[in-house]
Amino acid sequence: MHAALIGAKEMGFTIVSISLSLVAVFIPIFFMPGVIGLLFHEFAVVVSLSILVSAVVSLTLVPMLASRFLNTQDAHTTVDGQASSLHGVSRWFEYLFGRLQAGYTWALDIALHHRFFVLGMAFATFALTVYLYNVIPKGFFPEEDIGQIQVSTESTEDTSSSAMLAMQDKVAALFVASPYLTHVTSVATGGNTGRMFLVLKPREQRPKMAQVLDSLRKTARTVPGISVYLRPVQNLQLGGRPSKSRYQYTLQSVSPRCIK
C-alpha cells in the first residue's frame, strides 16, 4: 500500500498534465459551428470523456489494484531476464507481452538486414497510395440509401395551376407504375411548382439507388412541359431550406450590419 501511494504521487502530475493536454485539443470542436462541428461534436465528447475517465482510473483504481495484487513474494523472470512481481492471470499477460516484444525484435532485425528492400517497399506503398487517391471515387458525403426520394417539379412561369396539376398527375401516375416504388405522395404547391415524396421497396427487391434514380428520371422526361428533380433523402441534411438539389450554397456575413 505504501509503495502504491508513492508511485501514484510520482505519476500523478504526469497523468493529469497529459490528460488535460489531450482534452484541450478537443475543446475547440465542442464549440465549432457548421457541418464540421455537427460531424465531430459527438466524437470529441466521447474521446474527451474517455481520457478523463482513464485519468481517474489511473490515479485511483490502478494504484489500489497494484497494492492488492502485487507483492515481492511472487516474483518470476520475464523474457528479457528482468524480475517481475505478478500474480495470477497477470503472468499470462506479461508472458504474451514478452513474446510479442521478442517477435518485434526478430522482425526488426530482419528489416535492418534488408534495408534496401524495406525502403523499396516504403516507396512502393507511397506510389500505391497516390494511385489509389486518384482512382478512388471521392465526394463530400457518401450517398445513403434509406429508401426515400424527394421530388420537386417545375414548369414555365406562364403555366396555369390546372395545367401544372394535370402534368404532375401524369408524372405521379408513371411513378406509381414503377416496379421499384411502394408509395407516391403528390402535392401541387400552387403556381408552377409541386412536390412529391416516393417510398421505395426494400433493398433486396430493387436495384441500387443510382439505378432507380436514372430509371425514374427517364420516365419523367416522357411528360412534356414539366421538369422533375429527384433527390434521395439523407439522414444528414445540410441546410434547412427546400431545394431541388442535394447541396445548397448560402452566402452570409458575420453580422447583418456588414451586408450592404
C-alpha atoms as a PDB file:
ATOM      1  CA  MET A   1       0.000   0.000   0.000  1.00  0.00           C
ATOM      2  CA  HIS A   2       2.785   2.424   0.860  1.00  0.00           C
ATOM      3  CA  ALA A   3       4.568   1.697  -2.435  1.00  0.00           C
ATOM      4  CA  ALA A   4       1.335   2.182  -4.384  1.00  0.00           C
ATOM      5  CA  LEU A   5       0.774   5.594  -2.784  1.00  0.00           C
ATOM      6  CA  ILE A   6       4.315   6.682  -3.552  1.00  0.00           C
ATOM      7  CA  GLY A   7       4.007   5.502  -7.171  1.00  0.00           C
ATOM      8  CA  ALA A   8       0.679   7.306  -7.610  1.00  0.00           C
ATOM      9  CA  LYS A   9       2.200  10.549  -6.295  1.00  0.00           C
ATOM     10  CA  GLU A  10       5.154  10.258  -8.654  1.00  0.00           C
ATOM     11  CA  MET A  11       2.938   9.667 -11.702  1.00  0.00           C
ATOM     12  CA  GLY A  12       0.031  11.909 -10.668  1.00  0.00           C
ATOM     13  CA  PHE A  13       1.293  15.164 -12.190  1.00  0.00           C
ATOM     14  CA  THR A  14       2.270  13.437 -15.447  1.00  0.00           C
ATOM     15  CA  ILE A  15      -1.100  11.725 -15.804  1.00  0.00           C
ATOM     16  CA  VAL A  16      -3.060  14.905 -15.073  1.00  0.00           C
ATOM     17  CA  SER A  17      -0.972  17.100 -17.398  1.00  0.00           C
ATOM     18  CA  ILE A  18      -1.095  14.663 -20.316  1.00  0.00           C
ATOM     19  CA  SER A  19      -4.832  14.075 -19.893  1.00  0.00           C
ATOM     20  CA  LEU A  20      -5.643  17.800 -19.762  1.00  0.00           C
ATOM     21  CA  SER A  21      -3.438  18.436 -22.791  1.00  0.00           C
ATOM     22  CA  LEU A  22      -5.302  15.788 -24.773  1.00  0.00           C
ATOM     23  CA  VAL A  23      -8.698  17.131 -23.725  1.00  0.00           C
ATOM     24  CA  ALA A  24      -7.650  20.686 -24.634  1.00  0.00           C
ATOM     25  CA  VAL A  25      -7.177  19.578 -28.217  1.00  0.00           C
ATOM     26  CA  PHE A  26     -10.898  18.740 -28.483  1.00  0.00           C
ATOM     27  CA  ILE A  27     -12.233  21.854 -26.737  1.00  0.00           C
ATOM     28  CA  PRO A  28     -12.496  23.908 -29.977  1.00  0.00           C
ATOM     29  CA  ILE A  29     -14.518  21.107 -31.568  1.00  0.00           C
ATOM     30  CA  PHE A  30     -17.116  21.426 -28.789  1.00  0.00           C
ATOM     31  CA  PHE A  31     -17.996  24.934 -29.982  1.00  0.00           C
ATOM     32  CA  MET A  32     -17.289  24.513 -33.708  1.00  0.00           C
ATOM     33  CA  PRO A  33     -20.312  25.561 -35.803  1.00  0.00           C
ATOM     34  CA  GLY A  34     -21.382  24.296 -39.191  1.00  0.00           C
ATOM     35  CA  VAL A  35     -21.148  20.878 -40.753  1.00  0.00           C
ATOM     36  CA  ILE A  36     -17.726  20.062 -39.285  1.00  0.00           C
ATOM     37  CA  GLY A  37     -18.967  20.733 -35.777  1.00  0.00           C
ATOM     38  CA  LEU A  38     -22.047  18.612 -36.437  1.00  0.00           C
ATOM     39  CA  LEU A  39     -19.923  15.696 -37.582  1.00  0.00           C
ATOM     40  CA  PHE A  40     -17.239  15.737 -34.892  1.00  0.00           C
ATOM     41  CA  HIS A  41     -19.074  17.026 -31.811  1.00  0.00           C
ATOM     42  CA  GLU A  42     -20.082  13.575 -30.525  1.00  0.00           C
ATOM     43  CA  PHE A  43     -16.640  12.211 -31.369  1.00  0.00           C
ATOM     44  CA  ALA A  44     -14.935  14.953 -29.340  1.00  0.00           C
ATOM     45  CA  VAL A  45     -17.240  14.376 -26.369  1.00  0.00           C
ATOM     46  CA  VAL A  46     -16.669  10.610 -26.328  1.00  0.00           C
ATOM     47  CA  VAL A  47     -12.885  10.882 -26.656  1.00  0.00           C
ATOM     48  CA  SER A  48     -12.628  13.601 -24.006  1.00  0.00           C
ATOM     49  CA  LEU A  49     -14.748  11.677 -21.515  1.00  0.00           C
ATOM     50  CA  SER A  50     -12.708   8.537 -22.204  1.00  0.00           C
ATOM     51  CA  ILE A  51      -9.481  10.400 -21.489  1.00  0.00           C
ATOM     52  CA  LEU A  52     -10.826  11.872 -18.256  1.00  0.00           C
ATOM     53  CA  VAL A  53     -12.163   8.526 -17.064  1.00  0.00           C
ATOM     54  CA  SER A  54      -8.844   6.914 -17.927  1.00  0.00           C
ATOM     55  CA  ALA A  55      -7.018   9.541 -15.878  1.00  0.00           C
ATOM     56  CA  VAL A  56      -9.277   8.961 -12.864  1.00  0.00           C
ATOM     57  CA  VAL A  57      -8.804   5.192 -13.147  1.00  0.00           C
ATOM     58  CA  SER A  58      -5.029   5.620 -13.396  1.00  0.00           C
ATOM     59  CA  LEU A  59      -4.956   7.709 -10.219  1.00  0.00           C
ATOM     60  CA  THR A  60      -7.375   5.614  -8.155  1.00  0.00           C
ATOM     61  CA  LEU A  61      -8.188   2.099  -9.332  1.00  0.00           C
ATOM     62  CA  VAL A  62      -4.784   1.144 -10.731  1.00  0.00           C
ATOM     63  CA  PRO A  63      -2.812   2.007  -7.541  1.00  0.00           C
ATOM     64  CA  MET A  64      -5.432   0.222  -5.437  1.00  0.00           C
ATOM     65  CA  LEU A  65      -5.195  -2.940  -7.556  1.00  0.00           C
ATOM     66  CA  ALA A  66      -1.403  -2.753  -7.533  1.00  0.00           C
ATOM     67  CA  SER A  67      -1.397  -2.649  -3.726  1.00  0.00           C
ATOM     68  CA  ARG A  68      -3.622  -5.736  -3.596  1.00  0.00           C
ATOM     69  CA  PHE A  69      -2.253  -7.960  -6.384  1.00  0.00           C
ATOM     70  CA  LEU A  70       1.477  -7.146  -6.495  1.00  0.00           C
ATOM     71  CA  ASN A  71       3.815  -8.444  -3.841  1.00  0.00           C
ATOM     72  CA  THR A  72       7.506  -9.150  -3.543  1.00  0.00           C
ATOM     73  CA  GLN A  73       6.973 -12.811  -2.677  1.00  0.00           C
ATOM     74  CA  ASP A  74       5.563 -13.690  -6.090  1.00  0.00           C
ATOM     75  CA  ALA A  75       8.397 -12.759  -8.433  1.00  0.00           C
ATOM     76  CA  HIS A  76       9.437 -14.525 -11.605  1.00  0.00           C
ATOM     77  CA  THR A  77      11.708 -13.854 -14.550  1.00  0.00           C
ATOM     78  CA  THR A  78      10.343 -12.403 -17.802  1.00  0.00           C
ATOM     79  CA  VAL A  79      11.573 -12.949 -21.361  1.00  0.00           C
ATOM     80  CA  ASP A  80      14.134 -10.152 -21.108  1.00  0.00           C
ATOM     81  CA  GLY A  81      15.585 -11.624 -17.875  1.00  0.00           C
ATOM     82  CA  GLN A  82      14.177  -8.991 -15.510  1.00  0.00           C
ATOM     83  CA  ALA A  83      12.281  -9.882 -12.374  1.00  0.00           C
ATOM     84  CA  SER A  84       8.598  -9.125 -12.375  1.00  0.00           C
ATOM     85  CA  SER A  85       6.132  -9.270  -9.478  1.00  0.00           C
ATOM     86  CA  LEU A  86       2.883 -10.542 -10.914  1.00  0.00           C
ATOM     87  CA  HIS A  87       0.036 -12.619  -9.640  1.00  0.00           C
ATOM     88  CA  GLY A  88      -2.430 -14.986 -11.260  1.00  0.00           C
ATOM     89  CA  VAL A  89      -3.709 -14.029 -14.697  1.00  0.00           C
ATOM     90  CA  SER A  90      -1.270 -11.102 -14.863  1.00  0.00           C
ATOM     91  CA  ARG A  91       1.525 -13.576 -15.519  1.00  0.00           C
ATOM     92  CA  TRP A  92      -0.110 -14.614 -18.758  1.00  0.00           C
ATOM     93  CA  PHE A  93      -0.384 -11.005 -19.921  1.00  0.00           C
ATOM     94  CA  GLU A  94       3.255 -10.457 -19.102  1.00  0.00           C
ATOM     95  CA  TYR A  95       4.216 -13.654 -20.928  1.00  0.00           C
ATOM     96  CA  LEU A  96       2.244 -12.662 -24.045  1.00  0.00           C
ATOM     97  CA  PHE A  97       3.753  -9.177 -23.972  1.00  0.00           C
ATOM     98  CA  GLY A  98       7.214 -10.681 -23.727  1.00  0.00           C
ATOM     99  CA  ARG A  99       6.575 -12.953 -26.712  1.00  0.00           C
ATOM    100  CA  LEU A 100       5.234 -10.008 -28.681  1.00  0.00           C
ATOM    101  CA  GLN A 101       8.324  -7.981 -27.811  1.00  0.00           C
ATOM    102  CA  ALA A 102      10.574 -10.862 -28.873  1.00  0.00           C
ATOM    103  CA  GLY A 103       8.709 -11.167 -32.184  1.00  0.00           C
ATOM    104  CA  TYR A 104       9.041  -7.458 -32.820  1.00  0.00           C
ATOM    105  CA  THR A 105      12.789  -7.645 -32.122  1.00  0.00           C
ATOM    106  CA  TRP A 106      13.113 -10.548 -34.549  1.00  0.00           C
ATOM    107  CA  ALA A 107      11.201  -8.687 -37.295  1.00  0.00           C
ATOM    108  CA  LEU A 108      13.234  -5.521 -36.686  1.00  0.00           C
ATOM    109  CA  ASP A 109      16.499  -7.443 -37.093  1.00  0.00           C
ATOM    110  CA  ILE A 110      15.324  -8.833 -40.416  1.00  0.00           C
ATOM    111  CA  ALA A 111      14.254  -5.371 -41.609  1.00  0.00           C
ATOM    112  CA  LEU A 112      17.633  -3.892 -40.693  1.00  0.00           C
ATOM    113  CA  HIS A 113      19.436  -6.655 -42.584  1.00  0.00           C
ATOM    114  CA  HIS A 114      17.345  -5.905 -45.718  1.00  0.00           C
ATOM    115  CA  ARG A 115      17.227  -2.134 -45.585  1.00  0.00           C
ATOM    116  CA  PHE A 116      17.047  -1.528 -49.352  1.00  0.00           C
ATOM    117  CA  PHE A 117      14.137  -3.937 -49.737  1.00  0.00           C
ATOM    118  CA  VAL A 118      12.234  -2.289 -46.866  1.00  0.00           C
ATOM    119  CA  LEU A 119      12.952   1.151 -48.326  1.00  0.00           C
ATOM    120  CA  GLY A 120      11.708  -0.021 -51.711  1.00  0.00           C
ATOM    121  CA  MET A 121       8.506  -1.300 -50.132  1.00  0.00           C
ATOM    122  CA  ALA A 122       8.031   2.074 -48.471  1.00  0.00           C
ATOM    123  CA  PHE A 123       8.331   3.897 -51.818  1.00  0.00           C
ATOM    124  CA  ALA A 124       6.038   1.337 -53.465  1.00  0.00           C
ATOM    125  CA  THR A 125       3.446   1.902 -50.741  1.00  0.00           C
ATOM    126  CA  PHE A 126       3.666   5.653 -51.233  1.00  0.00           C
ATOM    127  CA  ALA A 127       3.234   5.270 -55.013  1.00  0.00           C
ATOM    128  CA  LEU A 128       0.250   2.949 -54.479  1.00  0.00           C
ATOM    129  CA  THR A 129      -1.298   5.490 -52.108  1.00  0.00           C
ATOM    130  CA  VAL A 130      -1.006   8.250 -54.734  1.00  0.00           C
ATOM    131  CA  TYR A 131      -2.512   5.965 -57.382  1.00  0.00           C
ATOM    132  CA  LEU A 132      -5.437   4.943 -55.181  1.00  0.00           C
ATOM    133  CA  TYR A 133      -6.062   8.564 -54.217  1.00  0.00           C
ATOM    134  CA  ASN A 134      -6.508   9.423 -57.893  1.00  0.00           C
ATOM    135  CA  VAL A 135      -8.664   6.453 -58.915  1.00  0.00           C
ATOM    136  CA  ILE A 136     -10.921   6.009 -55.864  1.00  0.00           C
ATOM    137  CA  PRO A 137     -14.219   7.946 -56.206  1.00  0.00           C
ATOM    138  CA  LYS A 138     -14.465  10.899 -53.845  1.00  0.00           C
ATOM    139  CA  GLY A 139     -17.292  13.110 -52.656  1.00  0.00           C
ATOM    140  CA  PHE A 140     -18.415  15.424 -49.897  1.00  0.00           C
ATOM    141  CA  PHE A 141     -20.728  12.839 -48.324  1.00  0.00           C
ATOM    142  CA  PRO A 142     -21.430   9.294 -49.461  1.00  0.00           C
ATOM    143  CA  GLU A 143     -24.953   8.950 -50.781  1.00  0.00           C
ATOM    144  CA  GLU A 144     -27.144   6.972 -48.413  1.00  0.00           C
ATOM    145  CA  ASP A 145     -29.931   4.671 -49.473  1.00  0.00           C
ATOM    146  CA  ILE A 146     -32.723   4.815 -46.906  1.00  0.00           C
ATOM    147  CA  GLY A 147     -35.454   4.030 -49.436  1.00  0.00           C
ATOM    148  CA  GLN A 148     -36.959   7.526 -49.764  1.00  0.00           C
ATOM    149  CA  ILE A 149     -36.813  10.141 -52.540  1.00  0.00           C
ATOM    150  CA  GLN A 150     -37.942  13.767 -52.539  1.00  0.00           C
ATOM    151  CA  VAL A 151     -39.160  15.144 -55.870  1.00  0.00           C
ATOM    152  CA  SER A 152     -39.528  18.778 -56.954  1.00  0.00           C
ATOM    153  CA  THR A 153     -41.498  19.619 -60.083  1.00  0.00           C
ATOM    154  CA  GLU A 154     -41.451  22.876 -62.017  1.00  0.00           C
ATOM    155  CA  SER A 155     -42.877  24.223 -65.264  1.00  0.00           C
ATOM    156  CA  THR A 156     -42.742  27.548 -67.091  1.00  0.00           C
ATOM    157  CA  GLU A 157     -43.910  30.740 -65.411  1.00  0.00           C
ATOM    158  CA  ASP A 158     -46.994  31.103 -67.622  1.00  0.00           C
ATOM    159  CA  THR A 159     -48.347  27.656 -66.701  1.00  0.00           C
ATOM    160  CA  SER A 160     -51.715  27.723 -65.005  1.00  0.00           C
ATOM    161  CA  SER A 161     -52.396  25.835 -61.802  1.00  0.00           C
ATOM    162  CA  SER A 162     -54.772  23.404 -63.532  1.00  0.00           C
ATOM    163  CA  ALA A 163     -52.243  22.623 -66.268  1.00  0.00           C
ATOM    164  CA  MET A 164     -49.485  22.166 -63.708  1.00  0.00           C
ATOM    165  CA  LEU A 165     -51.707  19.812 -61.701  1.00  0.00           C
ATOM    166  CA  ALA A 166     -52.505  17.762 -64.808  1.00  0.00           C
ATOM    167  CA  MET A 167     -48.825  17.376 -65.724  1.00  0.00           C
ATOM    168  CA  GLN A 168     -47.879  16.460 -62.164  1.00  0.00           C
ATOM    169  CA  ASP A 169     -50.626  13.845 -62.058  1.00  0.00           C
ATOM    170  CA  LYS A 170     -49.181  12.281 -65.212  1.00  0.00           C
ATOM    171  CA  VAL A 171     -45.733  12.100 -63.623  1.00  0.00           C
ATOM    172  CA  ALA A 172     -47.192  10.667 -60.422  1.00  0.00           C
ATOM    173  CA  ALA A 173     -49.082   8.020 -62.427  1.00  0.00           C
ATOM    174  CA  LEU A 174     -45.858   6.974 -64.152  1.00  0.00           C
ATOM    175  CA  PHE A 175     -44.087   6.745 -60.782  1.00  0.00           C
ATOM    176  CA  VAL A 176     -46.919   4.635 -59.351  1.00  0.00           C
ATOM    177  CA  ALA A 177     -46.437   2.183 -62.229  1.00  0.00           C
ATOM    178  CA  SER A 178     -42.732   1.836 -61.443  1.00  0.00           C
ATOM    179  CA  PRO A 179     -41.776  -1.615 -60.089  1.00  0.00           C
ATOM    180  CA  TYR A 180     -39.368  -0.025 -57.586  1.00  0.00           C
ATOM    181  CA  LEU A 181     -41.866   2.069 -55.579  1.00  0.00           C
ATOM    182  CA  THR A 182     -44.427   1.229 -52.932  1.00  0.00           C
ATOM    183  CA  HIS A 183     -45.932   4.658 -52.206  1.00  0.00           C
ATOM    184  CA  VAL A 184     -46.181   8.002 -54.016  1.00  0.00           C
ATOM    185  CA  THR A 185     -47.404  11.237 -52.448  1.00  0.00           C
ATOM    186  CA  SER A 186     -48.033  14.163 -54.831  1.00  0.00           C
ATOM    187  CA  VAL A 187     -48.731  17.747 -53.761  1.00  0.00           C
ATOM    188  CA  ALA A 188     -49.204  20.765 -56.043  1.00  0.00           C
ATOM    189  CA  THR A 189     -47.861  23.701 -54.040  1.00  0.00           C
ATOM    190  CA  GLY A 190     -49.505  26.269 -56.303  1.00  0.00           C
ATOM    191  CA  GLY A 191     -48.446  28.184 -59.385  1.00  0.00           C
ATOM    192  CA  ASN A 192     -45.898  26.346 -61.484  1.00  0.00           C
ATOM    193  CA  THR A 193     -44.286  24.187 -58.782  1.00  0.00           C
ATOM    194  CA  GLY A 194     -45.082  20.969 -56.983  1.00  0.00           C
ATOM    195  CA  ARG A 195     -43.598  18.292 -54.769  1.00  0.00           C
ATOM    196  CA  MET A 196     -43.669  14.519 -54.405  1.00  0.00           C
ATOM    197  CA  PHE A 197     -42.473  12.002 -51.878  1.00  0.00           C
ATOM    198  CA  LEU A 198     -41.540   8.496 -53.013  1.00  0.00           C
ATOM    199  CA  VAL A 199     -41.091   5.406 -50.851  1.00  0.00           C
ATOM    200  CA  LEU A 200     -39.039   2.612 -52.377  1.00  0.00           C
ATOM    201  CA  LYS A 201     -39.276  -1.142 -51.910  1.00  0.00           C
ATOM    202  CA  PRO A 202     -36.753  -2.903 -49.636  1.00  0.00           C
ATOM    203  CA  ARG A 203     -33.216  -3.069 -50.998  1.00  0.00           C
ATOM    204  CA  GLU A 204     -33.350  -6.783 -51.753  1.00  0.00           C
ATOM    205  CA  GLN A 205     -36.359  -6.189 -54.055  1.00  0.00           C
ATOM    206  CA  ARG A 206     -34.905  -3.404 -56.209  1.00  0.00           C
ATOM    207  CA  PRO A 207     -31.627  -2.161 -57.727  1.00  0.00           C
ATOM    208  CA  LYS A 208     -29.337   0.381 -56.119  1.00  0.00           C
ATOM    209  CA  MET A 209     -30.467   3.958 -55.536  1.00  0.00           C
ATOM    210  CA  ALA A 210     -28.482   5.330 -58.502  1.00  0.00           C
ATOM    211  CA  GLN A 211     -30.168   2.928 -60.916  1.00  0.00           C
ATOM    212  CA  VAL A 212     -33.600   3.720 -59.502  1.00  0.00           C
ATOM    213  CA  LEU A 213     -32.986   7.457 -59.914  1.00  0.00           C
ATOM    214  CA  ASP A 214     -31.852   7.002 -63.523  1.00  0.00           C
ATOM    215  CA  SER A 215     -34.943   4.956 -64.300  1.00  0.00           C
ATOM    216  CA  LEU A 216     -37.313   7.490 -62.726  1.00  0.00           C
ATOM    217  CA  ARG A 217     -35.627  10.413 -64.485  1.00  0.00           C
ATOM    218  CA  LYS A 218     -36.021   8.711 -67.861  1.00  0.00           C
ATOM    219  CA  THR A 219     -39.660   8.034 -67.059  1.00  0.00           C
ATOM    220  CA  ALA A 220     -40.318  11.658 -66.040  1.00  0.00           C
ATOM    221  CA  ARG A 221     -38.822  13.001 -69.291  1.00  0.00           C
ATOM    222  CA  THR A 222     -41.675  11.441 -71.240  1.00  0.00           C
ATOM    223  CA  VAL A 223     -44.052  14.093 -69.857  1.00  0.00           C
ATOM    224  CA  PRO A 224     -43.515  17.356 -71.829  1.00  0.00           C
ATOM    225  CA  GLY A 225     -43.662  20.799 -70.257  1.00  0.00           C
ATOM    226  CA  ILE A 226     -42.552  19.834 -66.746  1.00  0.00           C
ATOM    227  CA  SER A 227     -39.114  19.493 -65.139  1.00  0.00           C
ATOM    228  CA  VAL A 228     -38.691  16.840 -62.471  1.00  0.00           C
ATOM    229  CA  TYR A 229     -35.841  16.930 -59.925  1.00  0.00           C
ATOM    230  CA  LEU A 230     -35.240  13.824 -57.807  1.00  0.00           C
ATOM    231  CA  ARG A 231     -33.163  13.873 -54.639  1.00  0.00           C
ATOM    232  CA  PRO A 232     -32.629  10.868 -52.330  1.00  0.00           C
ATOM    233  CA  VAL A 233     -33.434  11.590 -48.696  1.00  0.00           C
ATOM    234  CA  GLN A 234     -30.338  11.593 -46.459  1.00  0.00           C
ATOM    235  CA  ASN A 235     -30.010  11.156 -42.704  1.00  0.00           C
ATOM    236  CA  LEU A 236     -27.660  14.143 -42.566  1.00  0.00           C
ATOM    237  CA  GLN A 237     -29.310  17.152 -44.153  1.00  0.00           C
ATOM    238  CA  LEU A 238     -27.319  20.276 -44.999  1.00  0.00           C
ATOM    239  CA  GLY A 239     -29.346  23.438 -44.671  1.00  0.00           C
ATOM    240  CA  GLY A 240     -32.987  23.865 -43.765  1.00  0.00           C
ATOM    241  CA  ARG A 241     -34.339  25.306 -46.996  1.00  0.00           C
ATOM    242  CA  PRO A 242     -36.268  23.267 -49.574  1.00  0.00           C
ATOM    243  CA  SER A 243     -34.016  22.602 -52.532  1.00  0.00           C
ATOM    244  CA  LYS A 244     -34.131  20.828 -55.884  1.00  0.00           C
ATOM    245  CA  SER A 245     -30.562  19.533 -55.469  1.00  0.00           C
ATOM    246  CA  ARG A 246     -28.531  17.747 -52.804  1.00  0.00           C
ATOM    247  CA  TYR A 247     -26.331  20.747 -51.990  1.00  0.00           C
ATOM    248  CA  GLN A 248     -27.021  24.373 -51.152  1.00  0.00           C
ATOM    249  CA  TYR A 249     -24.644  27.322 -51.169  1.00  0.00           C
ATOM    250  CA  THR A 250     -25.508  30.094 -48.730  1.00  0.00           C
ATOM    251  CA  LEU A 251     -23.507  33.321 -48.576  1.00  0.00           C
ATOM    252  CA  GLN A 252     -23.780  35.304 -45.356  1.00  0.00           C
ATOM    253  CA  SER A 253     -21.736  37.720 -43.292  1.00  0.00           C
ATOM    254  CA  VAL A 254     -20.699  37.576 -39.658  1.00  0.00           C
ATOM    255  CA  SER A 255     -23.049  40.434 -38.748  1.00  0.00           C
ATOM    256  CA  PRO A 256     -26.182  41.614 -40.622  1.00  0.00           C
ATOM    257  CA  ARG A 257     -24.826  45.173 -40.436  1.00  0.00           C
ATOM    258  CA  CYS A 258     -22.000  44.152 -42.768  1.00  0.00           C
ATOM    259  CA  ILE A 259     -24.430  43.404 -45.597  1.00  0.00           C
ATOM    260  CA  LYS A 260     -24.898  46.316 -48.000  1.00  0.00           C
END
